[in-house]
Amino acid sequence: MSKAKNTLILVFLVLAAIVLSALVGTLTKDIGFLKWLTWGESIGFDLGRLDLAIIDLSFSFHMQVNVLQVLFIAAALLLYKKVR
């Protein structure tokens, strides 16, 4: 397979893992013994804010990671290794 095709497959698998983990997380957040799967932390930083009365522009990056996302992305990487 070509390098571009491999990269496209990897990106698709990782994005699919993120979407599926969000879906499963939403479905399991109210189930007591599966609540730990949605535990996570938010990381990020704020670079600044520009408020011009009409436009409010802020520069920041925030990302929330939970257990399900880590598990699904790991599974996607293993699947990629098998597919490649």
PDB file of N, CA and C in Angstrom:
ATOM      1  N   MET A   1       0.839  -1.199   0.000  1.00  0.00           N
ATOM      2  CA  MET A   1       0.000   0.000   0.000  1.00  0.00           C
ATOM      3  C   MET A   1       0.873   1.247   0.000  1.00  0.00           C
ATOM      4  N   SER A   2       0.321   2.298  -0.510  1.00  0.00           N
ATOM      5  CA  SER A   2       1.083   3.538  -0.553  1.00  0.00           C
ATOM      6  C   SER A   2       1.079   4.207   0.824  1.00  0.00           C
ATOM      7  N   LYS A   3       2.029   5.070   1.014  1.00  0.00           N
ATOM      8  CA  LYS A   3       2.161   5.771   2.285  1.00  0.00           C
ATOM      9  C   LYS A   3       0.948   6.667   2.562  1.00  0.00           C
ATOM     10  N   ALA A   4       0.433   7.318   1.529  1.00  0.00           N
ATOM     11  CA  ALA A   4      -0.734   8.190   1.698  1.00  0.00           C
ATOM     12  C   ALA A   4      -1.960   7.388   2.113  1.00  0.00           C
ATOM     13  N   LYS A   5      -2.114   6.210   1.547  1.00  0.00           N
ATOM     14  CA  LYS A   5      -3.252   5.354   1.893  1.00  0.00           C
ATOM     15  C   LYS A   5      -3.135   4.865   3.336  1.00  0.00           C
ATOM     16  N   ASN A   6      -1.934   4.507   3.760  1.00  0.00           N
ATOM     17  CA  ASN A   6      -1.710   4.091   5.151  1.00  0.00           C
ATOM     18  C   ASN A   6      -2.037   5.222   6.122  1.00  0.00           C
ATOM     19  N   THR A   7      -1.617   6.421   5.775  1.00  0.00           N
ATOM     20  CA  THR A   7      -1.891   7.573   6.632  1.00  0.00           C
ATOM     21  C   THR A   7      -3.383   7.844   6.716  1.00  0.00           C
ATOM     22  N   LEU A   8      -4.077   7.729   5.595  1.00  0.00           N
ATOM     23  CA  LEU A   8      -5.522   7.941   5.572  1.00  0.00           C
ATOM     24  C   LEU A   8      -6.249   6.900   6.419  1.00  0.00           C
ATOM     25  N   ILE A   9      -5.813   5.661   6.353  1.00  0.00           N
ATOM     26  CA  ILE A   9      -6.415   4.601   7.169  1.00  0.00           C
ATOM     27  C   ILE A   9      -6.180   4.887   8.646  1.00  0.00           C
ATOM     28  N   LEU A  10      -4.984   5.302   9.012  1.00  0.00           N
ATOM     29  CA  LEU A  10      -4.676   5.613  10.407  1.00  0.00           C
ATOM     30  C   LEU A  10      -5.531   6.762  10.923  1.00  0.00           C
ATOM     31  N   VAL A  11      -5.647   7.826  10.149  1.00  0.00           N
ATOM     32  CA  VAL A  11      -6.453   8.977  10.556  1.00  0.00           C
ATOM     33  C   VAL A  11      -7.915   8.574  10.713  1.00  0.00           C
ATOM     34  N   PHE A  12      -8.437   7.790   9.777  1.00  0.00           N
ATOM     35  CA  PHE A  12      -9.814   7.325   9.865  1.00  0.00           C
ATOM     36  C   PHE A  12     -10.038   6.483  11.119  1.00  0.00           C
ATOM     37  N   LEU A  13      -9.140   5.558  11.404  1.00  0.00           N
ATOM     38  CA  LEU A  13      -9.304   4.689  12.574  1.00  0.00           C
ATOM     39  C   LEU A  13      -9.250   5.482  13.879  1.00  0.00           C
ATOM     40  N   VAL A  14      -8.349   6.443  13.970  1.00  0.00           N
ATOM     41  CA  VAL A  14      -8.248   7.245  15.192  1.00  0.00           C
ATOM     42  C   VAL A  14      -9.486   8.123  15.362  1.00  0.00           C
ATOM     43  N   LEU A  15      -9.949   8.742  14.288  1.00  0.00           N
ATOM     44  CA  LEU A  15     -11.161   9.569  14.375  1.00  0.00           C
ATOM     45  C   LEU A  15     -12.388   8.723  14.703  1.00  0.00           C
ATOM     46  N   ALA A  16     -12.470   7.533  14.116  1.00  0.00           N
ATOM     47  CA  ALA A  16     -13.580   6.633  14.437  1.00  0.00           C
ATOM     48  C   ALA A  16     -13.526   6.209  15.902  1.00  0.00           C
ATOM     49  N   ALA A  17     -12.338   5.985  16.426  1.00  0.00           N
ATOM     50  CA  ALA A  17     -12.188   5.621  17.833  1.00  0.00           C
ATOM     51  C   ALA A  17     -12.640   6.748  18.749  1.00  0.00           C
ATOM     52  N   ILE A  18     -12.331   7.978  18.390  1.00  0.00           N
ATOM     53  CA  ILE A  18     -12.737   9.124  19.208  1.00  0.00           C
ATOM     54  C   ILE A  18     -14.254   9.279  19.190  1.00  0.00           C
ATOM     55  N   VAL A  19     -14.864   9.146  18.017  1.00  0.00           N
ATOM     56  CA  VAL A  19     -16.321   9.268  17.922  1.00  0.00           C
ATOM     57  C   VAL A  19     -17.019   8.135  18.672  1.00  0.00           C
ATOM     58  N   LEU A  20     -16.527   6.910  18.496  1.00  0.00           N
ATOM     59  CA  LEU A  20     -17.135   5.770  19.200  1.00  0.00           C
ATOM     60  C   LEU A  20     -16.959   5.875  20.710  1.00  0.00           C
ATOM     61  N   SER A  21     -15.819   6.372  21.160  1.00  0.00           N
ATOM     62  CA  SER A  21     -15.624   6.514  22.596  1.00  0.00           C
ATOM     63  C   SER A  21     -16.562   7.567  23.170  1.00  0.00           C
ATOM     64  N   ALA A  22     -16.838   8.625  22.411  1.00  0.00           N
ATOM     65  CA  ALA A  22     -17.801   9.633  22.868  1.00  0.00           C
ATOM     66  C   ALA A  22     -19.200   9.032  22.958  1.00  0.00           C
ATOM     67  N   LEU A  23     -19.582   8.219  21.974  1.00  0.00           N
ATOM     68  CA  LEU A  23     -20.888   7.566  21.982  1.00  0.00           C
ATOM     69  C   LEU A  23     -21.017   6.595  23.147  1.00  0.00           C
ATOM     70  N   VAL A  24     -20.034   5.737  23.320  1.00  0.00           N
ATOM     71  CA  VAL A  24     -20.076   4.768  24.420  1.00  0.00           C
ATOM     72  C   VAL A  24     -20.025   5.488  25.760  1.00  0.00           C
ATOM     73  N   GLY A  25     -19.261   6.549  25.865  1.00  0.00           N
ATOM     74  CA  GLY A  25     -19.195   7.328  27.099  1.00  0.00           C
ATOM     75  C   GLY A  25     -20.533   7.941  27.462  1.00  0.00           C
ATOM     76  N   THR A  26     -21.240   8.447  26.466  1.00  0.00           N
ATOM     77  CA  THR A  26     -22.570   9.008  26.700  1.00  0.00           C
ATOM     78  C   THR A  26     -23.546   7.933  27.156  1.00  0.00           C
ATOM     79  N   LEU A  27     -23.432   6.750  26.570  1.00  0.00           N
ATOM     80  CA  LEU A  27     -24.343   5.664  26.926  1.00  0.00           C
ATOM     81  C   LEU A  27     -24.052   5.066  28.290  1.00  0.00           C
ATOM     82  N   THR A  28     -22.804   5.115  28.743  1.00  0.00           N
ATOM     83  CA  THR A  28     -22.427   4.459  30.005  1.00  0.00           C
ATOM     84  C   THR A  28     -22.257   5.414  31.181  1.00  0.00           C
ATOM     85  N   LYS A  29     -22.468   6.709  30.992  1.00  0.00           N
ATOM     86  CA  LYS A  29     -22.196   7.654  32.087  1.00  0.00           C
ATOM     87  C   LYS A  29     -23.150   7.502  33.268  1.00  0.00           C
ATOM     88  N   ASP A  30     -24.356   6.952  33.037  1.00  0.00           N
ATOM     89  CA  ASP A  30     -25.318   6.791  34.120  1.00  0.00           C
ATOM     90  C   ASP A  30     -25.358   5.375  34.684  1.00  0.00           C
ATOM     91  N   ILE A  31     -24.544   4.478  34.170  1.00  0.00           N
ATOM     92  CA  ILE A  31     -24.484   3.104  34.667  1.00  0.00           C
ATOM     93  C   ILE A  31     -23.395   3.047  35.726  1.00  0.00           C
ATOM     94  N   GLY A  32     -23.788   2.672  36.932  1.00  0.00           N
ATOM     95  CA  GLY A  32     -22.895   2.751  38.087  1.00  0.00           C
ATOM     96  C   GLY A  32     -21.551   2.063  37.926  1.00  0.00           C
ATOM     97  N   PHE A  33     -21.558   0.784  37.528  1.00  0.00           N
ATOM     98  CA  PHE A  33     -20.302   0.047  37.483  1.00  0.00           C
ATOM     99  C   PHE A  33     -19.464   0.368  36.236  1.00  0.00           C
ATOM    100  N   LEU A  34     -19.997   1.148  35.309  1.00  0.00           N
ATOM    101  CA  LEU A  34     -19.236   1.571  34.124  1.00  0.00           C
ATOM    102  C   LEU A  34     -18.878   3.056  34.148  1.00  0.00           C
ATOM    103  N   LYS A  35     -19.232   3.731  35.223  1.00  0.00           N
ATOM    104  CA  LYS A  35     -18.980   5.174  35.328  1.00  0.00           C
ATOM    105  C   LYS A  35     -17.482   5.499  35.278  1.00  0.00           C
ATOM    106  N   TRP A  36     -16.637   4.571  35.729  1.00  0.00           N
ATOM    107  CA  TRP A  36     -15.196   4.821  35.743  1.00  0.00           C
ATOM    108  C   TRP A  36     -14.629   4.992  34.331  1.00  0.00           C
ATOM    109  N   LEU A  37     -15.336   4.468  33.320  1.00  0.00           N
ATOM    110  CA  LEU A  37     -14.855   4.600  31.948  1.00  0.00           C
ATOM    111  C   LEU A  37     -14.886   6.048  31.456  1.00  0.00           C
ATOM    112  N   THR A  38     -15.739   6.863  32.053  1.00  0.00           N
ATOM    113  CA  THR A  38     -15.848   8.259  31.624  1.00  0.00           C
ATOM    114  C   THR A  38     -15.008   9.204  32.491  1.00  0.00           C
ATOM    115  N   TRP A  39     -14.231   8.660  33.412  1.00  0.00           N
ATOM    116  CA  TRP A  39     -13.371   9.502  34.237  1.00  0.00           C
ATOM    117  C   TRP A  39     -12.247  10.050  33.358  1.00  0.00           C
ATOM    118  N   GLY A  40     -11.974  11.321  33.521  1.00  0.00           N
ATOM    119  CA  GLY A  40     -10.913  11.923  32.733  1.00  0.00           C
ATOM    120  C   GLY A  40     -10.517  13.281  33.268  1.00  0.00           C
ATOM    121  N   GLU A  41      -9.537  13.836  32.650  1.00  0.00           N
ATOM    122  CA  GLU A  41      -9.006  15.141  33.028  1.00  0.00           C
ATOM    123  C   GLU A  41      -8.972  16.045  31.811  1.00  0.00           C
ATOM    124  N   SER A  42      -9.031  17.322  32.064  1.00  0.00           N
ATOM    125  CA  SER A  42      -8.921  18.319  31.012  1.00  0.00           C
ATOM    126  C   SER A  42      -7.555  18.987  31.115  1.00  0.00           C
ATOM    127  N   ILE A  43      -6.891  19.093  29.985  1.00  0.00           N
ATOM    128  CA  ILE A  43      -5.597  19.770  29.948  1.00  0.00           C
ATOM    129  C   ILE A  43      -5.665  20.860  28.887  1.00  0.00           C
ATOM    130  N   GLY A  44      -4.866  21.884  29.059  1.00  0.00           N
ATOM    131  CA  GLY A  44      -4.855  22.941  28.072  1.00  0.00           C
ATOM    132  C   GLY A  44      -4.183  24.191  28.565  1.00  0.00           C
ATOM    133  N   PHE A  45      -4.246  25.211  27.734  1.00  0.00           N
ATOM    134  CA  PHE A  45      -3.632  26.491  28.087  1.00  0.00           C
ATOM    135  C   PHE A  45      -4.375  27.624  27.384  1.00  0.00           C
ATOM    136  N   ASP A  46      -4.293  28.796  27.961  1.00  0.00           N
ATOM    137  CA  ASP A  46      -4.864  30.011  27.383  1.00  0.00           C
ATOM    138  C   ASP A  46      -3.723  30.953  27.015  1.00  0.00           C
ATOM    139  N   LEU A  47      -3.708  31.398  25.773  1.00  0.00           N
ATOM    140  CA  LEU A  47      -2.660  32.306  25.333  1.00  0.00           C
ATOM    141  C   LEU A  47      -3.041  33.764  25.501  1.00  0.00           C
ATOM    142  N   GLY A  48      -4.294  34.063  25.395  1.00  0.00           N
ATOM    143  CA  GLY A  48      -4.690  35.452  25.551  1.00  0.00           C
ATOM    144  C   GLY A  48      -6.081  35.707  25.027  1.00  0.00           C
ATOM    145  N   ARG A  49      -6.535  36.911  25.284  1.00  0.00           N
ATOM    146  CA  ARG A  49      -7.877  37.305  24.866  1.00  0.00           C
ATOM    147  C   ARG A  49      -7.831  38.741  24.358  1.00  0.00           C
ATOM    148  N   LEU A  50      -8.546  38.952  23.260  1.00  0.00           N
ATOM    149  CA  LEU A  50      -8.643  40.270  22.666  1.00  0.00           C
ATOM    150  C   LEU A  50     -10.123  40.642  22.596  1.00  0.00           C
ATOM    151  N   ASP A  51     -10.520  41.658  23.368  1.00  0.00           N
ATOM    152  CA  ASP A  51     -11.919  42.088  23.413  1.00  0.00           C
ATOM    153  C   ASP A  51     -12.021  43.473  22.799  1.00  0.00           C
ATOM    154  N   LEU A  52     -12.677  43.541  21.630  1.00  0.00           N
ATOM    155  CA  LEU A  52     -12.817  44.803  20.919  1.00  0.00           C
ATOM    156  C   LEU A  52     -14.261  45.300  20.922  1.00  0.00           C
ATOM    157  N   ALA A  53     -15.023  44.928  21.918  1.00  0.00           N
ATOM    158  CA  ALA A  53     -16.424  45.300  22.096  1.00  0.00           C
ATOM    159  C   ALA A  53     -17.335  44.645  21.061  1.00  0.00           C
ATOM    160  N   ILE A  54     -16.942  44.602  19.824  1.00  0.00           N
ATOM    161  CA  ILE A  54     -17.741  43.943  18.794  1.00  0.00           C
ATOM    162  C   ILE A  54     -17.293  42.494  18.624  1.00  0.00           C
ATOM    163  N   ILE A  55     -16.001  42.292  18.685  1.00  0.00           N
ATOM    164  CA  ILE A  55     -15.422  40.972  18.498  1.00  0.00           C
ATOM    165  C   ILE A  55     -14.662  40.587  19.767  1.00  0.00           C
ATOM    166  N   ASP A  56     -14.926  39.393  20.234  1.00  0.00           N
ATOM    167  CA  ASP A  56     -14.192  38.840  21.377  1.00  0.00           C
ATOM    168  C   ASP A  56     -13.403  37.646  20.862  1.00  0.00           C
ATOM    169  N   LEU A  57     -12.089  37.768  20.821  1.00  0.00           N
ATOM    170  CA  LEU A  57     -11.229  36.751  20.245  1.00  0.00           C
ATOM    171  C   LEU A  57     -10.322  36.193  21.340  1.00  0.00           C
ATOM    172  N   SER A  58     -10.350  34.883  21.504  1.00  0.00           N
ATOM    173  CA  SER A  58      -9.472  34.271  22.501  1.00  0.00           C
ATOM    174  C   SER A  58      -8.653  33.175  21.850  1.00  0.00           C
ATOM    175  N   PHE A  59      -7.437  33.032  22.311  1.00  0.00           N
ATOM    176  CA  PHE A  59      -6.511  32.034  21.811  1.00  0.00           C
ATOM    177  C   PHE A  59      -6.255  31.030  22.930  1.00  0.00           C
ATOM    178  N   SER A  60      -6.744  29.812  22.734  1.00  0.00           N
ATOM    179  CA  SER A  60      -6.546  28.788  23.761  1.00  0.00           C
ATOM    180  C   SER A  60      -6.619  27.404  23.137  1.00  0.00           C
ATOM    181  N   PHE A  61      -6.164  26.437  23.889  1.00  0.00           N
ATOM    182  CA  PHE A  61      -6.222  25.034  23.495  1.00  0.00           C
ATOM    183  C   PHE A  61      -6.598  24.230  24.728  1.00  0.00           C
ATOM    184  N   HIS A  62      -7.675  23.464  24.623  1.00  0.00           N
ATOM    185  CA  HIS A  62      -8.113  22.602  25.721  1.00  0.00           C
ATOM    186  C   HIS A  62      -8.491  21.249  25.160  1.00  0.00           C
ATOM    187  N   MET A  63      -8.152  20.227  25.892  1.00  0.00           N
ATOM    188  CA  MET A  63      -8.446  18.874  25.453  1.00  0.00           C
ATOM    189  C   MET A  63      -8.842  18.050  26.679  1.00  0.00           C
ATOM    190  N   GLN A  64      -9.926  17.310  26.557  1.00  0.00           N
ATOM    191  CA  GLN A  64     -10.350  16.447  27.649  1.00  0.00           C
ATOM    192  C   GLN A  64     -10.118  14.999  27.230  1.00  0.00           C
ATOM    193  N   VAL A  65      -9.428  14.263  28.076  1.00  0.00           N
ATOM    194  CA  VAL A  65      -9.093  12.871  27.799  1.00  0.00           C
ATOM    195  C   VAL A  65      -9.734  12.022  28.877  1.00  0.00           C
ATOM    196  N   ASN A  66     -10.400  10.920  28.460  1.00  0.00           N
ATOM    197  CA  ASN A  66     -10.947  10.008  29.444  1.00  0.00           C
ATOM    198  C   ASN A  66     -10.478   8.585  29.156  1.00  0.00           C
ATOM    199  N   VAL A  67     -10.841   7.666  30.045  1.00  0.00           N
ATOM    200  CA  VAL A  67     -10.375   6.287  29.958  1.00  0.00           C
ATOM    201  C   VAL A  67     -10.844   5.632  28.661  1.00  0.00           C
ATOM    202  N   LEU A  68     -12.095   5.855  28.294  1.00  0.00           N
ATOM    203  CA  LEU A  68     -12.619   5.255  27.061  1.00  0.00           C
ATOM    204  C   LEU A  68     -11.845   5.695  25.829  1.00  0.00           C
ATOM    205  N   GLN A  69     -11.484   6.958  25.756  1.00  0.00           N
ATOM    206  CA  GLN A  69     -10.738   7.442  24.607  1.00  0.00           C
ATOM    207  C   GLN A  69      -9.380   6.764  24.507  1.00  0.00           C
ATOM    208  N   VAL A  70      -8.726   6.607  25.641  1.00  0.00           N
ATOM    209  CA  VAL A  70      -7.418   5.947  25.637  1.00  0.00           C
ATOM    210  C   VAL A  70      -7.568   4.500  25.173  1.00  0.00           C
ATOM    211  N   LEU A  71      -8.577   3.790  25.687  1.00  0.00           N
ATOM    212  CA  LEU A  71      -8.791   2.394  25.302  1.00  0.00           C
ATOM    213  C   LEU A  71      -9.146   2.263  23.820  1.00  0.00           C
ATOM    214  N   PHE A  72     -10.034   3.111  23.332  1.00  0.00           N
ATOM    215  CA  PHE A  72     -10.453   3.024  21.934  1.00  0.00           C
ATOM    216  C   PHE A  72      -9.328   3.419  20.981  1.00  0.00           C
ATOM    217  N   ILE A  73      -8.544   4.416  21.325  1.00  0.00           N
ATOM    218  CA  ILE A  73      -7.430   4.805  20.459  1.00  0.00           C
ATOM    219  C   ILE A  73      -6.358   3.719  20.443  1.00  0.00           C
ATOM    220  N   ALA A  74      -6.110   3.084  21.586  1.00  0.00           N
ATOM    221  CA  ALA A  74      -5.165   1.963  21.629  1.00  0.00           C
ATOM    222  C   ALA A  74      -5.661   0.814  20.754  1.00  0.00           C
ATOM    223  N   ALA A  75      -6.964   0.534  20.820  1.00  0.00           N
ATOM    224  CA  ALA A  75      -7.533  -0.518  19.972  1.00  0.00           C
ATOM    225  C   ALA A  75      -7.430  -0.145  18.499  1.00  0.00           C
ATOM    226  N   ALA A  76      -7.625   1.122  18.171  1.00  0.00           N
ATOM    227  CA  ALA A  76      -7.513   1.574  16.775  1.00  0.00           C
ATOM    228  C   ALA A  76      -6.083   1.417  16.271  1.00  0.00           C
ATOM    229  N   LEU A  77      -5.106   1.720  17.118  1.00  0.00           N
ATOM    230  CA  LEU A  77      -3.710   1.569  16.710  1.00  0.00           C
ATOM    231  C   LEU A  77      -3.347   0.100  16.517  1.00  0.00           C
ATOM    232  N   LEU A  78      -3.870  -0.778  17.376  1.00  0.00           N
ATOM    233  CA  LEU A  78      -3.643  -2.211  17.190  1.00  0.00           C
ATOM    234  C   LEU A  78      -4.305  -2.723  15.921  1.00  0.00           C
ATOM    235  N   LEU A  79      -5.504  -2.238  15.643  1.00  0.00           N
ATOM    236  CA  LEU A  79      -6.194  -2.617  14.415  1.00  0.00           C
ATOM    237  C   LEU A  79      -5.434  -2.113  13.192  1.00  0.00           C
ATOM    238  N   TYR A  80      -4.900  -0.915  13.276  1.00  0.00           N
ATOM    239  CA  TYR A  80      -4.099  -0.373  12.169  1.00  0.00           C
ATOM    240  C   TYR A  80      -2.877  -1.237  11.901  1.00  0.00           C
ATOM    241  N   LYS A  81      -2.251  -1.694  12.984  1.00  0.00           N
ATOM    242  CA  LYS A  81      -1.070  -2.544  12.839  1.00  0.00           C
ATOM    243  C   LYS A  81      -1.423  -3.843  12.123  1.00  0.00           C
ATOM    244  N   LYS A  82      -2.611  -4.392  12.420  1.00  0.00           N
ATOM    245  CA  LYS A  82      -3.060  -5.623  11.762  1.00  0.00           C
ATOM    246  C   LYS A  82      -3.423  -5.376  10.301  1.00  0.00           C
ATOM    247  N   VAL A  83      -4.099  -4.239  10.038  1.00  0.00           N
ATOM    248  CA  VAL A  83      -4.560  -3.926   8.688  1.00  0.00           C
ATOM    249  C   VAL A  83      -3.380  -3.578   7.781  1.00  0.00           C
ATOM    250  N   ARG A  84      -2.424  -2.876   8.309  1.00  0.00           N
ATOM    251  CA  ARG A  84      -1.282  -2.414   7.524  1.00  0.00           C
ATOM    252  C   ARG A  84      -0.453  -3.608   7.174  1.00  0.00           C
TER     253      ARG A  84
END
